[in-house]
Amino acid sequence: MSVQYDETDAPFRAFPQLNKNRPGYVMRSRIRLTEFAEEYLEDDGFETRMIRALGETRVIGPKEVLESFEFYARTRRRMRSARMADLCCGHGLVGILYAAMQRSVEQVTLLDVRHTDGSQEILNAIISVAPWVEEKVKWIESPVDGMADHLEPGTAITGVHACGKLTDRCLEVAHQLGSRVAVMPCCYGPNQSGGPEVLTRMLDPWVVTDVDRTYRMEGLGYKMDWTYIPRMITPRNRVLVGIPKT
């Protein structure tokens, strides 16, 4: 009998040991990151040490941390660039992970309209384990619109759960810079897609909107791909990756 594989789900890649004992309840509970690390992460590897340091801050939980690590694990090989920008970054952990774990990354810009509570503590925690991060990372408080004017061409763009149309702004910035891009959208609405009305009415807006984004970016000269992080982290787990064809 063949095994049915759900292509909209995925195993853990950053922490494959979690596939043996998938911590689904962690995503629905108030368990602290330190408790999660003690129960599930017994090694003393670089990633685990970063998680333990983050746990000491008490400002970020397992869901957000695993989301960031898994997004990084799914995109790192296709997003190599000396310069990166994490747009609508919230706590900024995705961009910080690129600064910590990619030697080829020389500068990471973290952009949001304001620093979220605890964002500096998160950065300091990673610096305590990876001190080279400090000189790589800079914060900019600004809306994403017009950001392409302040970034160098080729700066790779990430956007994790940028709400609604903000995901499209991230894609537009990448196109303006001629750069690689990876986004994990959220907050889909029935009127958000540029696709035919019948599709948005009859099909899942999540699928229709991302199909429209994919066609749009392909038309702008990108090779697009879809990948996924484990659904138990978030039901909005699709990652769109785009690489300029030329």
Protein backbone atom coordinates (compact mmCIF):
# COMPACT_ATOMS: atom_id res chain seq x y z
CA MET A 1 0.00 0.00 0.00
CA SER A 2 1.44 3.37 -0.96
CA VAL A 3 1.98 6.02 1.68
CA GLN A 4 0.07 9.24 1.06
CA TYR A 5 2.25 12.32 1.52
CA ASP A 6 0.67 15.70 2.14
CA GLU A 7 2.66 18.12 0.02
CA THR A 8 1.32 21.09 2.00
CA ASP A 9 3.00 19.81 5.15
CA ALA A 10 6.66 19.13 5.88
CA PRO A 11 8.94 17.48 8.44
CA PHE A 12 11.15 19.51 10.73
CA ARG A 13 14.44 20.33 9.04
CA ALA A 14 16.22 22.68 11.44
CA PHE A 15 15.62 20.27 14.33
CA PRO A 16 14.99 16.83 12.76
CA GLN A 17 14.88 15.21 16.21
CA LEU A 18 11.44 16.77 16.60
CA ASN A 19 10.10 14.45 13.88
CA LYS A 20 10.35 11.52 16.29
CA ASN A 21 8.30 13.23 18.96
CA ARG A 22 6.40 16.01 17.25
CA PRO A 23 5.59 18.66 19.88
CA GLY A 24 2.17 19.69 18.60
CA TYR A 25 0.86 20.68 21.99
CA VAL A 26 3.72 23.16 22.36
CA MET A 27 2.22 25.31 19.62
CA ARG A 28 -1.08 25.50 21.49
CA SER A 29 0.25 26.01 25.01
CA ARG A 30 1.99 28.65 27.06
CA ILE A 31 5.08 26.52 27.62
CA ARG A 32 8.21 28.62 27.90
CA LEU A 33 11.06 28.28 25.46
CA THR A 34 13.43 27.13 28.22
CA GLU A 35 11.03 24.29 29.12
CA PHE A 36 10.71 23.32 25.47
CA ALA A 37 14.51 23.20 25.05
CA GLU A 38 14.92 21.06 28.17
CA GLU A 39 12.30 18.55 27.02
CA TYR A 40 13.07 18.29 23.30
CA LEU A 41 16.61 19.54 22.60
CA GLU A 42 19.20 17.50 24.45
CA ASP A 43 22.23 18.32 22.29
CA ASP A 44 24.60 21.25 22.71
CA GLY A 45 24.77 22.28 19.07
CA PHE A 46 24.95 25.86 17.84
CA GLU A 47 21.23 26.09 17.09
CA THR A 48 20.27 24.65 20.47
CA ARG A 49 22.56 27.09 22.27
CA MET A 50 20.87 29.97 20.45
CA ILE A 51 17.45 28.68 21.50
CA ARG A 52 18.56 28.40 25.13
CA ALA A 53 19.85 31.97 25.01
CA LEU A 54 16.55 33.13 23.53
CA GLY A 55 14.71 31.28 26.28
CA GLU A 56 16.53 33.29 28.92
CA THR A 57 14.96 36.48 27.52
CA ARG A 58 11.39 35.26 28.18
CA VAL A 59 10.15 37.47 25.34
CA ILE A 60 9.61 34.87 22.61
CA GLY A 61 7.97 31.46 22.62
CA PRO A 62 8.58 28.11 20.89
CA LYS A 63 6.11 28.77 18.06
CA GLU A 64 7.82 31.96 16.86
CA VAL A 65 11.30 30.50 17.30
CA LEU A 66 10.57 27.26 15.41
CA GLU A 67 8.80 29.25 12.69
CA SER A 68 11.91 31.37 12.16
CA PHE A 69 14.36 28.45 12.25
CA GLU A 70 12.28 26.35 9.84
CA PHE A 71 11.82 29.26 7.43
CA TYR A 72 15.58 29.77 7.47
CA ALA A 73 16.22 26.06 6.92
CA ARG A 74 13.88 26.01 3.90
CA THR A 75 15.33 29.11 2.23
CA ARG A 76 19.01 29.46 3.15
CA ARG A 77 20.50 27.70 0.11
CA ARG A 78 18.49 29.75 -2.36
CA MET A 79 18.84 33.11 -0.65
CA ARG A 80 22.61 33.45 -0.55
CA SER A 81 23.60 37.08 -0.83
CA ALA A 82 26.12 39.36 0.82
CA ARG A 83 23.27 41.69 1.76
CA MET A 84 19.84 40.76 3.07
CA ALA A 85 16.78 42.65 4.28
CA ASP A 86 14.10 41.14 6.52
CA LEU A 87 11.03 43.29 5.80
CA CYS A 88 8.04 43.65 8.14
CA CYS A 89 10.36 41.72 10.40
CA GLY A 90 8.60 41.94 13.78
CA HIS A 91 11.10 40.50 16.26
CA GLY A 92 13.67 40.20 13.43
CA LEU A 93 14.74 36.66 14.23
CA VAL A 94 14.75 35.43 10.63
CA GLY A 95 17.21 38.08 9.52
CA ILE A 96 19.27 37.59 12.67
CA LEU A 97 19.56 33.86 11.95
CA TYR A 98 20.93 34.65 8.49
CA ALA A 99 23.52 36.91 10.10
CA ALA A 100 24.43 34.20 12.60
CA MET A 101 24.56 31.13 10.37
CA GLN A 102 25.51 32.35 6.89
CA ARG A 103 29.16 33.34 6.60
CA SER A 104 28.53 34.83 3.17
CA VAL A 105 26.02 37.31 4.62
CA GLU A 106 27.83 40.54 5.43
CA GLN A 107 24.92 42.84 6.25
CA VAL A 108 21.32 42.29 7.36
CA THR A 109 18.76 45.10 7.47
CA LEU A 110 15.82 44.53 9.81
CA LEU A 111 12.90 46.72 8.84
CA ASP A 112 9.54 47.39 10.47
CA VAL A 113 7.49 50.44 11.35
CA ARG A 114 8.79 50.15 14.92
CA HIS A 115 10.85 47.87 17.13
CA THR A 116 8.60 45.26 18.69
CA ASP A 117 8.77 44.68 22.42
CA GLY A 118 11.70 42.42 23.16
CA SER A 119 13.38 42.74 19.76
CA GLN A 120 16.60 44.12 21.23
CA GLU A 121 16.67 41.36 23.85
CA ILE A 122 16.34 38.79 21.06
CA LEU A 123 19.24 40.34 19.14
CA ASN A 124 21.38 40.50 22.28
CA ALA A 125 20.64 36.84 23.05
CA ILE A 126 21.89 35.71 19.65
CA ILE A 127 24.93 37.99 19.94
CA SER A 128 25.81 36.26 23.22
CA VAL A 129 26.19 33.01 21.26
CA ALA A 130 27.30 34.46 17.91
CA PRO A 131 29.13 37.74 18.64
CA TRP A 132 29.86 38.38 14.94
CA VAL A 133 26.16 39.14 14.46
CA GLU A 134 26.48 42.54 16.14
CA GLU A 135 28.45 44.16 13.32
CA LYS A 136 26.25 42.66 10.62
CA VAL A 137 22.78 43.77 11.74
CA LYS A 138 21.13 47.17 11.56
CA TRP A 139 17.55 48.22 12.32
CA ILE A 140 15.48 50.65 10.28
CA GLU A 141 12.10 51.90 11.50
CA SER A 142 10.13 52.60 8.34
CA PRO A 143 7.16 51.42 6.27
CA VAL A 144 8.09 48.94 3.57
CA ASP A 145 6.85 51.21 0.74
CA GLY A 146 9.79 52.95 -0.91
CA MET A 147 12.32 50.78 0.88
CA ALA A 148 13.94 49.79 -2.42
CA ASP A 149 15.41 53.31 -2.59
CA HIS A 150 17.41 52.61 0.58
CA LEU A 151 18.73 49.14 -0.27
CA GLU A 152 21.48 48.16 -2.66
CA PRO A 153 20.57 46.25 -5.85
CA GLY A 154 20.71 42.51 -5.31
CA THR A 155 19.82 42.69 -1.60
CA ALA A 156 17.95 39.45 -0.90
CA ILE A 157 14.50 39.98 0.62
CA THR A 158 12.64 37.95 3.23
CA GLY A 159 9.17 38.55 4.63
CA VAL A 160 7.62 36.20 7.18
CA HIS A 161 3.90 36.62 7.83
CA ALA A 162 3.82 40.15 6.49
CA CYS A 163 0.10 40.83 6.79
CA GLY A 164 -1.99 40.84 3.64
CA LYS A 165 -0.77 43.26 1.01
CA LEU A 166 2.52 43.76 2.85
CA THR A 167 3.65 40.44 1.40
CA ASP A 168 3.06 41.91 -2.06
CA ARG A 169 5.11 44.96 -1.08
CA CYS A 170 7.99 42.63 -0.15
CA LEU A 171 7.77 40.99 -3.58
CA GLU A 172 7.71 44.40 -5.26
CA VAL A 173 10.84 45.53 -3.40
CA ALA A 174 12.64 42.37 -4.50
CA HIS A 175 11.66 42.97 -8.12
CA GLN A 176 12.81 46.59 -7.97
CA LEU A 177 16.18 45.43 -6.64
CA GLY A 178 16.47 42.47 -9.02
CA SER A 179 17.04 40.25 -6.02
CA ARG A 180 16.12 36.88 -4.60
CA VAL A 181 13.06 36.74 -2.38
CA ALA A 182 11.36 34.39 0.07
CA VAL A 183 8.04 35.16 1.76
CA MET A 184 5.64 33.23 3.96
CA PRO A 185 2.29 35.02 3.54
CA CYS A 186 -0.60 35.31 5.97
CA CYS A 187 -3.89 37.18 6.43
CA TYR A 188 -5.53 36.20 3.16
CA GLY A 189 -8.79 37.89 2.25
CA PRO A 190 -11.42 37.07 -0.41
CA ASN A 191 -10.71 40.29 -2.31
CA GLN A 192 -6.93 40.20 -2.09
CA SER A 193 -6.14 38.09 -5.15
CA GLY A 194 -5.86 39.58 -8.59
CA GLY A 195 -7.21 36.33 -10.04
CA PRO A 196 -10.66 35.75 -11.55
CA GLU A 197 -13.53 36.45 -9.14
CA VAL A 198 -14.99 32.97 -9.61
CA LEU A 199 -11.77 31.42 -8.31
CA THR A 200 -11.64 33.61 -5.23
CA ARG A 201 -15.27 32.75 -4.56
CA MET A 202 -15.08 29.00 -5.12
CA LEU A 203 -11.56 28.12 -3.98
CA ASP A 204 -9.46 28.74 -0.89
CA PRO A 205 -8.27 32.38 -1.04
CA TRP A 206 -4.94 31.16 0.37
CA VAL A 207 -4.28 29.11 -2.75
CA VAL A 208 -5.73 31.58 -5.26
CA THR A 209 -3.75 34.52 -3.89
CA ASP A 210 -0.44 32.67 -3.97
CA VAL A 211 -1.12 31.31 -7.46
CA ASP A 212 -1.69 34.90 -8.59
CA ARG A 213 1.53 36.01 -6.89
CA THR A 214 3.43 33.19 -8.54
CA TYR A 215 2.16 34.01 -12.03
CA ARG A 216 2.85 37.70 -11.46
CA MET A 217 6.46 37.13 -10.37
CA GLU A 218 7.07 34.62 -13.18
CA GLY A 219 5.85 37.30 -15.59
CA LEU A 220 8.40 39.68 -14.12
CA GLY A 221 11.25 37.29 -14.87
CA TYR A 222 11.39 35.14 -11.74
CA LYS A 223 11.61 31.40 -11.31
CA MET A 224 9.15 30.67 -8.50
CA ASP A 225 8.91 27.70 -6.17
CA TRP A 226 6.72 26.72 -3.23
CA THR A 227 7.92 24.96 -0.12
CA TYR A 228 6.48 24.46 3.36
CA ILE A 229 7.40 24.48 7.03
CA PRO A 230 5.68 22.01 9.40
CA ARG A 231 1.98 22.80 9.60
CA MET A 232 1.88 22.16 13.33
CA ILE A 233 3.84 25.40 13.74
CA THR A 234 1.36 27.45 11.72
CA PRO A 235 -1.43 26.63 9.25
CA ARG A 236 -0.12 29.48 7.07
CA ASN A 237 3.02 27.49 6.33
CA ARG A 238 3.60 28.03 2.61
CA VAL A 239 6.87 29.68 1.58
CA LEU A 240 7.17 31.34 -1.84
CA VAL A 241 10.73 31.52 -3.12
CA GLY A 242 11.68 33.57 -6.17
CA ILE A 243 14.99 33.74 -8.04
CA PRO A 244 15.58 36.10 -10.99
CA LYS A 245 16.03 34.10 -14.19
CA THR A 246 18.83 36.35 -15.43
